Amino acid sequence: SGSTMVDYWQMIFFNLFFTSVPPLLFGALDKDVSAET
């Protein structure tokens, strides 16, 4: 029917805050191997 499951604001916040912050933090802080190695 084209009806939405959740409100548009919730969809925007879901995509912006709830699921975007973890990959951004992961992308900025991850160090898979030490600098010395």
Full PDB file with SEQRES, HELIX, SHEET, SSBOND, CRYST1, ORIGX, SCALE, CONECT and MASTER records, all heavy atoms in Angstrom:
SEQRES   1 A   37  SER GLY SER THR MET VAL ASP TYR TRP GLN MET ILE PHE          
SEQRES   2 A   37  PHE ASN LEU PHE PHE THR SER VAL PRO PRO LEU LEU PHE          
SEQRES   3 A   37  GLY ALA LEU ASP LYS ASP VAL SER ALA GLU THR                  
HELIX    1 AA1 TYR A    8  PHE A   13  1                                   6    
HELIX    2 AA2 PHE A   14  PHE A   18  3                                   5    
HELIX    3 AA3 VAL A   21  LEU A   29  1                                   9    
CRYST1    1.000    1.000    1.000  90.00  90.00  90.00 P 1           1          
ORIGX1      1.000000  0.000000  0.000000        0.00000                         
ORIGX2      0.000000  1.000000  0.000000        0.00000                         
ORIGX3      0.000000  0.000000  1.000000        0.00000                         
SCALE1      1.000000  0.000000  0.000000        0.00000                         
SCALE2      0.000000  1.000000  0.000000        0.00000                         
SCALE3      0.000000  0.000000  1.000000        0.00000                         
ATOM      1  N   SER A   1       0.819  -1.218   0.000  1.00  0.00           N  
ATOM      2  CA  SER A   1       0.000   0.000   0.000  1.00  0.00           C  
ATOM      3  C   SER A   1       0.849   1.264   0.000  1.00  0.00           C  
ATOM      4  O   SER A   1       0.329   2.346  -0.216  1.00  0.00           O  
ATOM      5  CB  SER A   1      -0.920   0.007   1.225  1.00  0.00           C  
ATOM      6  OG  SER A   1      -0.152   0.129   2.401  1.00  0.00           O  
ATOM      7  N   GLY A   2       2.132   1.143   0.274  1.00  0.00           N  
ATOM      8  CA  GLY A   2       3.013   2.307   0.314  1.00  0.00           C  
ATOM      9  C   GLY A   2       3.040   2.989   1.660  1.00  0.00           C  
ATOM     10  O   GLY A   2       3.655   4.042   1.816  1.00  0.00           O  
ATOM     11  N   SER A   3       2.341   2.413   2.635  1.00  0.00           N  
ATOM     12  CA  SER A   3       2.369   3.009   3.976  1.00  0.00           C  
ATOM     13  C   SER A   3       3.739   2.773   4.603  1.00  0.00           C  
ATOM     14  O   SER A   3       4.394   1.777   4.338  1.00  0.00           O  
ATOM     15  CB  SER A   3       1.268   2.422   4.855  1.00  0.00           C  
ATOM     16  OG  SER A   3       1.516   1.055   5.083  1.00  0.00           O  
ATOM     17  N   THR A   4       4.130   3.713   5.419  1.00  0.00           N  
ATOM     18  CA  THR A   4       5.442   3.598   6.054  1.00  0.00           C  
ATOM     19  C   THR A   4       5.320   2.871   7.382  1.00  0.00           C  
ATOM     20  O   THR A   4       4.318   2.976   8.078  1.00  0.00           O  
ATOM     21  CB  THR A   4       6.062   4.982   6.289  1.00  0.00           C  
ATOM     22  OG1 THR A   4       5.185   5.744   7.105  1.00  0.00           O  
ATOM     23  CG2 THR A   4       6.331   5.678   4.975  1.00  0.00           C  
ATOM     24  N   MET A   5       6.352   2.174   7.719  1.00  0.00           N  
ATOM     25  CA  MET A   5       6.366   1.393   8.942  1.00  0.00           C  
ATOM     26  C   MET A   5       6.594   2.294  10.159  1.00  0.00           C  
ATOM     27  O   MET A   5       6.024   2.073  11.215  1.00  0.00           O  
ATOM     28  CB  MET A   5       7.470   0.334   8.853  1.00  0.00           C  
ATOM     29  CG  MET A   5       7.483  -0.652   9.984  1.00  0.00           C  
ATOM     30  SD  MET A   5       8.600  -1.994   9.657  1.00  0.00           S  
ATOM     31  CE  MET A   5      10.155  -1.218   9.927  1.00  0.00           C  
ATOM     32  N   VAL A   6       7.418   3.311   9.986  1.00  0.00           N  
ATOM     33  CA  VAL A   6       7.725   4.229  11.074  1.00  0.00           C  
ATOM     34  C   VAL A   6       7.602   5.658  10.562  1.00  0.00           C  
ATOM     35  O   VAL A   6       7.564   5.909   9.358  1.00  0.00           O  
ATOM     36  CB  VAL A   6       9.151   3.991  11.634  1.00  0.00           C  
ATOM     37  CG1 VAL A   6       9.249   2.685  12.367  1.00  0.00           C  
ATOM     38  CG2 VAL A   6      10.182   4.051  10.544  1.00  0.00           C  
ATOM     39  N   ASP A   7       7.574   6.587  11.472  1.00  0.00           N  
ATOM     40  CA  ASP A   7       7.483   8.000  11.136  1.00  0.00           C  
ATOM     41  C   ASP A   7       8.762   8.441  10.405  1.00  0.00           C  
ATOM     42  O   ASP A   7       9.845   7.896  10.617  1.00  0.00           O  
ATOM     43  CB  ASP A   7       7.302   8.802  12.428  1.00  0.00           C  
ATOM     44  CG  ASP A   7       7.041  10.265  12.144  1.00  0.00           C  
ATOM     45  OD1 ASP A   7       6.311  10.560  11.181  1.00  0.00           O  
ATOM     46  OD2 ASP A   7       7.586  11.107  12.888  1.00  0.00           O  
ATOM     47  N   TYR A   8       8.637   9.463   9.546  1.00  0.00           N  
ATOM     48  CA  TYR A   8       9.788   9.929   8.767  1.00  0.00           C  
ATOM     49  C   TYR A   8      10.911  10.435   9.666  1.00  0.00           C  
ATOM     50  O   TYR A   8      12.086  10.233   9.370  1.00  0.00           O  
ATOM     51  CB  TYR A   8       9.372  11.023   7.784  1.00  0.00           C  
ATOM     52  CG  TYR A   8       8.630  10.487   6.589  1.00  0.00           C  
ATOM     53  CD1 TYR A   8       7.301  10.787   6.399  1.00  0.00           C  
ATOM     54  CD2 TYR A   8       9.274   9.668   5.672  1.00  0.00           C  
ATOM     55  CE1 TYR A   8       6.609  10.288   5.302  1.00  0.00           C  
ATOM     56  CE2 TYR A   8       8.598   9.162   4.572  1.00  0.00           C  
ATOM     57  CZ  TYR A   8       7.263   9.476   4.395  1.00  0.00           C  
ATOM     58  OH  TYR A   8       6.592   8.989   3.322  1.00  0.00           O  
ATOM     59  N   TRP A   9      10.576  11.110  10.755  1.00  0.00           N  
ATOM     60  CA  TRP A   9      11.599  11.602  11.665  1.00  0.00           C  
ATOM     61  C   TRP A   9      12.362  10.455  12.294  1.00  0.00           C  
ATOM     62  O   TRP A   9      13.572  10.533  12.495  1.00  0.00           O  
ATOM     63  CB  TRP A   9      10.975  12.489  12.740  1.00  0.00           C  
ATOM     64  CG  TRP A   9      10.638  13.845  12.223  1.00  0.00           C  
ATOM     65  CD1 TRP A   9       9.409  14.328  11.924  1.00  0.00           C  
ATOM     66  CD2 TRP A   9      11.570  14.887  11.896  1.00  0.00           C  
ATOM     67  NE1 TRP A   9       9.494  15.605  11.445  1.00  0.00           N  
ATOM     68  CE2 TRP A   9      10.830  15.976  11.418  1.00  0.00           C  
ATOM     69  CE3 TRP A   9      12.953  15.002  11.961  1.00  0.00           C  
ATOM     70  CZ2 TRP A   9      11.411  17.161  11.011  1.00  0.00           C  
ATOM     71  CZ3 TRP A   9      13.537  16.178  11.559  1.00  0.00           C  
ATOM     72  CH2 TRP A   9      12.775  17.245  11.087  1.00  0.00           C  
ATOM     73  N   GLN A  10      11.668   9.391  12.608  1.00  0.00           N  
ATOM     74  CA  GLN A  10      12.345   8.236  13.191  1.00  0.00           C  
ATOM     75  C   GLN A  10      13.273   7.579  12.172  1.00  0.00           C  
ATOM     76  O   GLN A  10      14.363   7.117  12.522  1.00  0.00           O  
ATOM     77  CB  GLN A  10      11.324   7.225  13.711  1.00  0.00           C  
ATOM     78  CG  GLN A  10      10.590   7.705  14.934  1.00  0.00           C  
ATOM     79  CD  GLN A  10       9.481   6.761  15.335  1.00  0.00           C  
ATOM     80  OE1 GLN A  10       9.028   5.941  14.549  1.00  0.00           O  
ATOM     81  NE2 GLN A  10       9.047   6.879  16.588  1.00  0.00           N  
ATOM     82  N   MET A  11      12.839   7.536  10.912  1.00  0.00           N  
ATOM     83  CA  MET A  11      13.714   6.985   9.870  1.00  0.00           C  
ATOM     84  C   MET A  11      14.976   7.827   9.708  1.00  0.00           C  
ATOM     85  O   MET A  11      16.078   7.297   9.572  1.00  0.00           O  
ATOM     86  CB  MET A  11      12.969   6.910   8.527  1.00  0.00           C  
ATOM     87  CG  MET A  11      12.000   5.777   8.437  1.00  0.00           C  
ATOM     88  SD  MET A  11      11.478   5.433   6.755  1.00  0.00           S  
ATOM     89  CE  MET A  11      10.553   6.880   6.337  1.00  0.00           C  
ATOM     90  N   ILE A  12      14.818   9.163   9.739  1.00  0.00           N  
ATOM     91  CA  ILE A  12      15.972  10.054   9.591  1.00  0.00           C  
ATOM     92  C   ILE A  12      16.927   9.879  10.776  1.00  0.00           C  
ATOM     93  O   ILE A  12      18.139   9.740  10.597  1.00  0.00           O  
ATOM     94  CB  ILE A  12      15.506  11.520   9.454  1.00  0.00           C  
ATOM     95  CG1 ILE A  12      14.810  11.712   8.112  1.00  0.00           C  
ATOM     96  CG2 ILE A  12      16.677  12.475   9.596  1.00  0.00           C  
ATOM     97  CD1 ILE A  12      14.124  13.037   7.958  1.00  0.00           C  
ATOM     98  N   PHE A  13      16.371   9.875  11.993  1.00  0.00           N  
ATOM     99  CA  PHE A  13      17.220   9.711  13.169  1.00  0.00           C  
ATOM    100  C   PHE A  13      17.871   8.336  13.215  1.00  0.00           C  
ATOM    101  O   PHE A  13      19.006   8.196  13.646  1.00  0.00           O  
ATOM    102  CB  PHE A  13      16.427   9.960  14.455  1.00  0.00           C  
ATOM    103  CG  PHE A  13      16.188  11.416  14.723  1.00  0.00           C  
ATOM    104  CD1 PHE A  13      14.917  11.877  15.014  1.00  0.00           C  
ATOM    105  CD2 PHE A  13      17.230  12.329  14.689  1.00  0.00           C  
ATOM    106  CE1 PHE A  13      14.693  13.225  15.254  1.00  0.00           C  
ATOM    107  CE2 PHE A  13      17.017  13.671  14.935  1.00  0.00           C  
ATOM    108  CZ  PHE A  13      15.751  14.117  15.215  1.00  0.00           C  
ATOM    109  N   PHE A  14      17.148   7.315  12.750  1.00  0.00           N  
ATOM    110  CA  PHE A  14      17.721   5.974  12.716  1.00  0.00           C  
ATOM    111  C   PHE A  14      18.957   5.952  11.829  1.00  0.00           C  
ATOM    112  O   PHE A  14      20.004   5.430  12.204  1.00  0.00           O  
ATOM    113  CB  PHE A  14      16.686   4.965  12.196  1.00  0.00           C  
ATOM    114  CG  PHE A  14      17.224   3.582  11.990  1.00  0.00           C  
ATOM    115  CD1 PHE A  14      17.412   2.724  13.060  1.00  0.00           C  
ATOM    116  CD2 PHE A  14      17.568   3.134  10.718  1.00  0.00           C  
ATOM    117  CE1 PHE A  14      17.918   1.456  12.879  1.00  0.00           C  
ATOM    118  CE2 PHE A  14      18.076   1.868  10.531  1.00  0.00           C  
ATOM    119  CZ  PHE A  14      18.252   1.034  11.620  1.00  0.00           C  
ATOM    120  N   ASN A  15      18.826   6.547  10.650  1.00  0.00           N  
ATOM    121  CA  ASN A  15      19.941   6.532   9.701  1.00  0.00           C  
ATOM    122  C   ASN A  15      21.055   7.479  10.115  1.00  0.00           C  
ATOM    123  O   ASN A  15      22.225   7.197   9.890  1.00  0.00           O  
ATOM    124  CB  ASN A  15      19.435   6.880   8.308  1.00  0.00           C  
ATOM    125  CG  ASN A  15      20.222   6.185   7.234  1.00  0.00           C  
ATOM    126  OD1 ASN A  15      21.017   5.307   7.508  1.00  0.00           O  
ATOM    127  ND2 ASN A  15      20.008   6.576   6.006  1.00  0.00           N  
ATOM    128  N   LEU A  16      20.720   8.614  10.703  1.00  0.00           N  
ATOM    129  CA  LEU A  16      21.748   9.591  11.053  1.00  0.00           C  
ATOM    130  C   LEU A  16      22.485   9.256  12.342  1.00  0.00           C  
ATOM    131  O   LEU A  16      23.707   9.294  12.385  1.00  0.00           O  
ATOM    132  CB  LEU A  16      21.122  10.979  11.196  1.00  0.00           C  
ATOM    133  CG  LEU A  16      20.924  11.762   9.919  1.00  0.00           C  
ATOM    134  CD1 LEU A  16      20.257  13.083  10.211  1.00  0.00           C  
ATOM    135  CD2 LEU A  16      22.242  12.008   9.233  1.00  0.00           C  
ATOM    136  N   PHE A  17      21.766   8.962  13.387  1.00  0.00           N  
ATOM    137  CA  PHE A  17      22.395   8.844  14.695  1.00  0.00           C  
ATOM    138  C   PHE A  17      22.616   7.407  15.146  1.00  0.00           C  
ATOM    139  O   PHE A  17      23.702   7.041  15.558  1.00  0.00           O  
ATOM    140  CB  PHE A  17      21.574   9.594  15.746  1.00  0.00           C  
ATOM    141  CG  PHE A  17      21.478  11.060  15.465  1.00  0.00           C  
ATOM    142  CD1 PHE A  17      20.260  11.638  15.158  1.00  0.00           C  
ATOM    143  CD2 PHE A  17      22.601  11.859  15.483  1.00  0.00           C  
ATOM    144  CE1 PHE A  17      20.176  12.992  14.890  1.00  0.00           C  
ATOM    145  CE2 PHE A  17      22.522  13.208  15.209  1.00  0.00           C  
ATOM    146  CZ  PHE A  17      21.306  13.777  14.916  1.00  0.00           C  
ATOM    147  N   PHE A  18      21.578   6.596  15.073  1.00  0.00           N  
ATOM    148  CA  PHE A  18      21.655   5.276  15.676  1.00  0.00           C  
ATOM    149  C   PHE A  18      22.570   4.322  14.912  1.00  0.00           C  
ATOM    150  O   PHE A  18      23.224   3.484  15.510  1.00  0.00           O  
ATOM    151  CB  PHE A  18      20.261   4.669  15.809  1.00  0.00           C  
ATOM    152  CG  PHE A  18      19.328   5.512  16.619  1.00  0.00           C  
ATOM    153  CD1 PHE A  18      18.064   5.810  16.167  1.00  0.00           C  
ATOM    154  CD2 PHE A  18      19.722   6.027  17.844  1.00  0.00           C  
ATOM    155  CE1 PHE A  18      17.207   6.596  16.911  1.00  0.00           C  
ATOM    156  CE2 PHE A  18      18.875   6.813  18.602  1.00  0.00           C  
ATOM    157  CZ  PHE A  18      17.613   7.097  18.129  1.00  0.00           C  
ATOM    158  N   THR A  19      22.634   4.455  13.596  1.00  0.00           N  
ATOM    159  CA  THR A  19      23.462   3.513  12.842  1.00  0.00           C  
ATOM    160  C   THR A  19      24.648   4.168  12.140  1.00  0.00           C  
ATOM    161  O   THR A  19      25.454   3.470  11.548  1.00  0.00           O  
ATOM    162  CB  THR A  19      22.619   2.768  11.785  1.00  0.00           C  
ATOM    163  OG1 THR A  19      22.027   3.730  10.909  1.00  0.00           O  
ATOM    164  CG2 THR A  19      21.552   1.936  12.442  1.00  0.00           C  
ATOM    165  N   SER A  20      24.764   5.484  12.170  1.00  0.00           N  
ATOM    166  CA  SER A  20      25.904   6.131  11.511  1.00  0.00           C  
ATOM    167  C   SER A  20      27.057   6.410  12.462  1.00  0.00           C  
ATOM    168  O   SER A  20      28.206   6.434  12.049  1.00  0.00           O  
ATOM    169  CB  SER A  20      25.475   7.445  10.859  1.00  0.00           C  
ATOM    170  OG  SER A  20      24.622   7.194   9.791  1.00  0.00           O  
ATOM    171  N   VAL A  21      26.760   6.625  13.714  1.00  0.00           N  
ATOM    172  CA  VAL A  21      27.818   6.941  14.670  1.00  0.00           C  
ATOM    173  C   VAL A  21      28.778   5.765  14.880  1.00  0.00           C  
ATOM    174  O   VAL A  21      29.998   5.959  14.857  1.00  0.00           O  
ATOM    175  CB  VAL A  21      27.217   7.435  16.002  1.00  0.00           C  
ATOM    176  CG1 VAL A  21      28.284   7.596  17.057  1.00  0.00           C  
ATOM    177  CG2 VAL A  21      26.484   8.741  15.777  1.00  0.00           C  
ATOM    178  N   PRO A  22      28.288   4.528  15.050  1.00  0.00           N  
ATOM    179  CA  PRO A  22      29.243   3.420  15.240  1.00  0.00           C  
ATOM    180  C   PRO A  22      30.242   3.228  14.090  1.00  0.00           C  
ATOM    181  O   PRO A  22      31.436   3.118  14.355  1.00  0.00           O  
ATOM    182  CB  PRO A  22      28.340   2.195  15.418  1.00  0.00           C  
ATOM    183  CG  PRO A  22      27.070   2.740  15.927  1.00  0.00           C  
ATOM    184  CD  PRO A  22      26.911   4.084  15.283  1.00  0.00           C  
ATOM    185  N   PRO A  23      29.798   3.229  12.806  1.00  0.00           N  
ATOM    186  CA  PRO A  23      30.837   3.065  11.770  1.00  0.00           C  
ATOM    187  C   PRO A  23      31.781   4.252  11.662  1.00  0.00           C  
ATOM    188  O   PRO A  23      32.940   4.079  11.317  1.00  0.00           O  
ATOM    189  CB  PRO A  23      30.046   2.863  10.474  1.00  0.00           C  
ATOM    190  CG  PRO A  23      28.699   3.358  10.742  1.00  0.00           C  
ATOM    191  CD  PRO A  23      28.462   3.207  12.207  1.00  0.00           C  
ATOM    192  N   LEU A  24      31.297   5.453  11.978  1.00  0.00           N  
ATOM    193  CA  LEU A  24      32.194   6.609  11.942  1.00  0.00           C  
ATOM    194  C   LEU A  24      33.242   6.519  13.047  1.00  0.00           C  
ATOM    195  O   LEU A  24      34.420   6.802  12.816  1.00  0.00           O  
ATOM    196  CB  LEU A  24      31.399   7.906  12.062  1.00  0.00           C  
ATOM    197  CG  LEU A  24      30.565   8.284  10.837  1.00  0.00           C  
ATOM    198  CD1 LEU A  24      29.727   9.517  11.117  1.00  0.00           C  
ATOM    199  CD2 LEU A  24      31.445   8.509   9.629  1.00  0.00           C  
ATOM    200  N   LEU A  25      32.825   6.129  14.243  1.00  0.00           N  
ATOM    201  CA  LEU A  25      33.793   5.944  15.325  1.00  0.00           C  
ATOM    202  C   LEU A  25      34.757   4.802  15.013  1.00  0.00           C  
ATOM    203  O   LEU A  25      35.962   4.901  15.245  1.00  0.00           O  
ATOM    204  CB  LEU A  25      33.072   5.671  16.647  1.00  0.00           C  
ATOM    205  CG  LEU A  25      32.362   6.860  17.279  1.00  0.00           C  
ATOM    206  CD1 LEU A  25      31.583   6.421  18.504  1.00  0.00           C  
ATOM    207  CD2 LEU A  25      33.352   7.943  17.632  1.00  0.00           C  
ATOM    208  N   PHE A  26      34.215   3.732  14.479  1.00  0.00           N  
ATOM    209  CA  PHE A  26      35.036   2.587  14.088  1.00  0.00           C  
ATOM    210  C   PHE A  26      36.036   3.008  13.008  1.00  0.00           C  
ATOM    211  O   PHE A  26      37.209   2.640  13.041  1.00  0.00           O  
ATOM    212  CB  PHE A  26      34.128   1.465  13.586  1.00  0.00           C  
ATOM    213  CG  PHE A  26      34.845   0.217  13.212  1.00  0.00           C  
ATOM    214  CD1 PHE A  26      35.369  -0.617  14.176  1.00  0.00           C  
ATOM    215  CD2 PHE A  26      35.002  -0.134  11.881  1.00  0.00           C  
ATOM    216  CE1 PHE A  26      36.034  -1.781  13.833  1.00  0.00           C  
ATOM    217  CE2 PHE A  26      35.663  -1.285  11.522  1.00  0.00           C  
ATOM    218  CZ  PHE A  26      36.178  -2.107  12.508  1.00  0.00           C  
ATOM    219  N   GLY A  27      35.567   3.794  12.042  1.00  0.00           N  
ATOM    220  CA  GLY A  27      36.431   4.255  10.950  1.00  0.00           C  
ATOM    221  C   GLY A  27      37.482   5.239  11.391  1.00  0.00           C  
ATOM    222  O   GLY A  27      38.515   5.384  10.750  1.00  0.00           O  
ATOM    223  N   ALA A  28      37.253   5.932  12.498  1.00  0.00           N  
ATOM    224  CA  ALA A  28      38.228   6.914  12.962  1.00  0.00           C  
ATOM    225  C   ALA A  28      39.203   6.355  13.995  1.00  0.00           C  
ATOM    226  O   ALA A  28      40.329   6.829  14.098  1.00  0.00           O  
ATOM    227  CB  ALA A  28      37.496   8.108  13.558  1.00  0.00           C  
ATOM    228  N   LEU A  29      38.791   5.334  14.745  1.00  0.00           N  
ATOM    229  CA  LEU A  29      39.596   4.901  15.868  1.00  0.00           C  
ATOM    230  C   LEU A  29      40.199   3.503  15.747  1.00  0.00           C  
ATOM    231  O   LEU A  29      41.004   3.118  16.592  1.00  0.00           O  
ATOM    232  CB  LEU A  29      38.757   4.961  17.152  1.00  0.00           C  
ATOM    233  CG  LEU A  29      38.159   6.330  17.488  1.00  0.00           C  
ATOM    234  CD1 LEU A  29      37.255   6.225  18.694  1.00  0.00           C  
ATOM    235  CD2 LEU A  29      39.248   7.356  17.707  1.00  0.00           C  
ATOM    236  N   ASP A  30      39.808   2.730  14.754  1.00  0.00           N  
ATOM    237  CA  ASP A  30      40.266   1.345  14.652  1.00  0.00           C  
ATOM    238  C   ASP A  30      41.741   1.276  14.274  1.00  0.00           C  
ATOM    239  O   ASP A  30      42.203   1.985  13.382  1.00  0.00           O  
ATOM    240  CB  ASP A  30      39.432   0.600  13.614  1.00  0.00           C  
ATOM    241  CG  ASP A  30      39.825  -0.851  13.507  1.00  0.00           C  
ATOM    242  OD1 ASP A  30      40.002  -1.487  14.557  1.00  0.00           O  
ATOM    243  OD2 ASP A  30      39.953  -1.351  12.372  1.00  0.00           O  
ATOM    244  N   LYS A  31      42.483   0.435  14.961  1.00  0.00           N  
ATOM    245  CA  LYS A  31      43.890   0.175  14.653  1.00  0.00           C  
ATOM    246  C   LYS A  31      44.059  -1.332  14.683  1.00  0.00           C  
ATOM    247  O   LYS A  31      44.196  -1.927  15.748  1.00  0.00           O  
ATOM    248  CB  LYS A  31      44.802   0.844  15.674  1.00  0.00           C  
ATOM    249  CG  LYS A  31      44.733   2.346  15.654  1.00  0.00           C  
ATOM    250  CD  LYS A  31      45.627   2.951  16.697  1.00  0.00           C  
ATOM    251  CE  LYS A  31      45.490   4.461  16.654  1.00  0.00           C  
ATOM    252  NZ  LYS A  31      46.297   5.106  17.681  1.00  0.00           N  
ATOM    253  N   ASP A  32      44.051  -1.957  13.511  1.00  0.00           N  
ATOM    254  CA  ASP A  32      44.096  -3.413  13.454  1.00  0.00           C  
ATOM    255  C   ASP A  32      45.464  -3.981  13.807  1.00  0.00           C  
ATOM    256  O   ASP A  32      45.570  -5.076  14.334  1.00  0.00           O  
ATOM    257  CB  ASP A  32      43.633  -3.909  12.084  1.00  0.00           C  
ATOM    258  CG  ASP A  32      44.452  -3.340  10.946  1.00  0.00           C  
ATOM    259  OD1 ASP A  32      45.166  -2.344  11.155  1.00  0.00           O  
ATOM    260  OD2 ASP A  32      44.369  -3.898   9.840  1.00  0.00           O  
ATOM    261  N   VAL A  33      46.519  -3.231  13.520  1.00  0.00           N  
ATOM    262  CA  VAL A  33      47.888  -3.669  13.824  1.00  0.00           C  
ATOM    263  C   VAL A  33      48.611  -2.488  14.462  1.00  0.00           C  
ATOM    264  O   VAL A  33      48.379  -1.342  14.091  1.00  0.00           O  
ATOM    265  CB  VAL A  33      48.622  -4.123  12.537  1.00  0.00           C  
ATOM    266  CG1 VAL A  33      50.009  -4.620  12.843  1.00  0.00           C  
ATOM    267  CG2 VAL A  33      47.830  -5.176  11.796  1.00  0.00           C  
ATOM    268  N   SER A  34      49.487  -2.761  15.399  1.00  0.00           N  
ATOM    269  CA  SER A  34      50.193  -1.677  16.082  1.00  0.00           C  
ATOM    270  C   SER A  34      51.177  -0.980  15.133  1.00  0.00           C  
ATOM    271  O   SER A  34      51.630  -1.560  14.137  1.00  0.00           O  
ATOM    272  CB  SER A  34      50.943  -2.220  17.299  1.00  0.00           C  
ATOM    273  OG  SER A  34      52.030  -3.013  16.887  1.00  0.00           O  
ATOM    274  N   ALA A  35      51.499   0.250  15.470  1.00  0.00           N  
ATOM    275  CA  ALA A  35      52.416   1.035  14.644  1.00  0.00           C  
ATOM    276  C   ALA A  35      53.802   0.402  14.587  1.00  0.00           C  
ATOM    277  O   ALA A  35      54.453   0.411  13.537  1.00  0.00           O  
ATOM    278  CB  ALA A  35      52.509   2.459  15.185  1.00  0.00           C  
ATOM    279  N   GLU A  36      54.254  -0.151  15.682  1.00  0.00           N  
ATOM    280  CA  GLU A  36      55.575  -0.772  15.718  1.00  0.00           C  
ATOM    281  C   GLU A  36      55.641  -1.974  14.777  1.00  0.00           C  
ATOM    282  O   GLU A  36      56.631  -2.177  14.071  1.00  0.00           O  
ATOM    283  CB  GLU A  36      55.924  -1.221  17.147  1.00  0.00           C  
ATOM    284  CG  GLU A  36      56.090  -0.088  18.129  1.00  0.00           C  
ATOM    285  CD  GLU A  36      54.753   0.441  18.660  1.00  0.00           C  
ATOM    286  OE1 GLU A  36      53.744  -0.305  18.614  1.00  0.00           O  
ATOM    287  OE2 GLU A  36      54.715   1.606  19.081  1.00  0.00           O  
ATOM    288  N   THR A  37      54.582  -2.774  14.757  1.00  0.00           N  
ATOM    289  CA  THR A  37      54.550  -3.938  13.861  1.00  0.00           C  
ATOM    290  C   THR A  37      54.529  -3.503  12.405  1.00  0.00           C  
ATOM    291  O   THR A  37      55.212  -4.099  11.569  1.00  0.00           O  
ATOM    292  CB  THR A  37      53.315  -4.808  14.171  1.00  0.00           C  
ATOM    293  OG1 THR A  37      53.321  -5.146  15.558  1.00  0.00           O  
ATOM    294  CG2 THR A  37      53.305  -6.065  13.337  1.00  0.00           C  
TER     295      THR A  37                                                      
MASTER        0    0    0    3    0    0    0    6  294    1    0    3          
END                                                                             
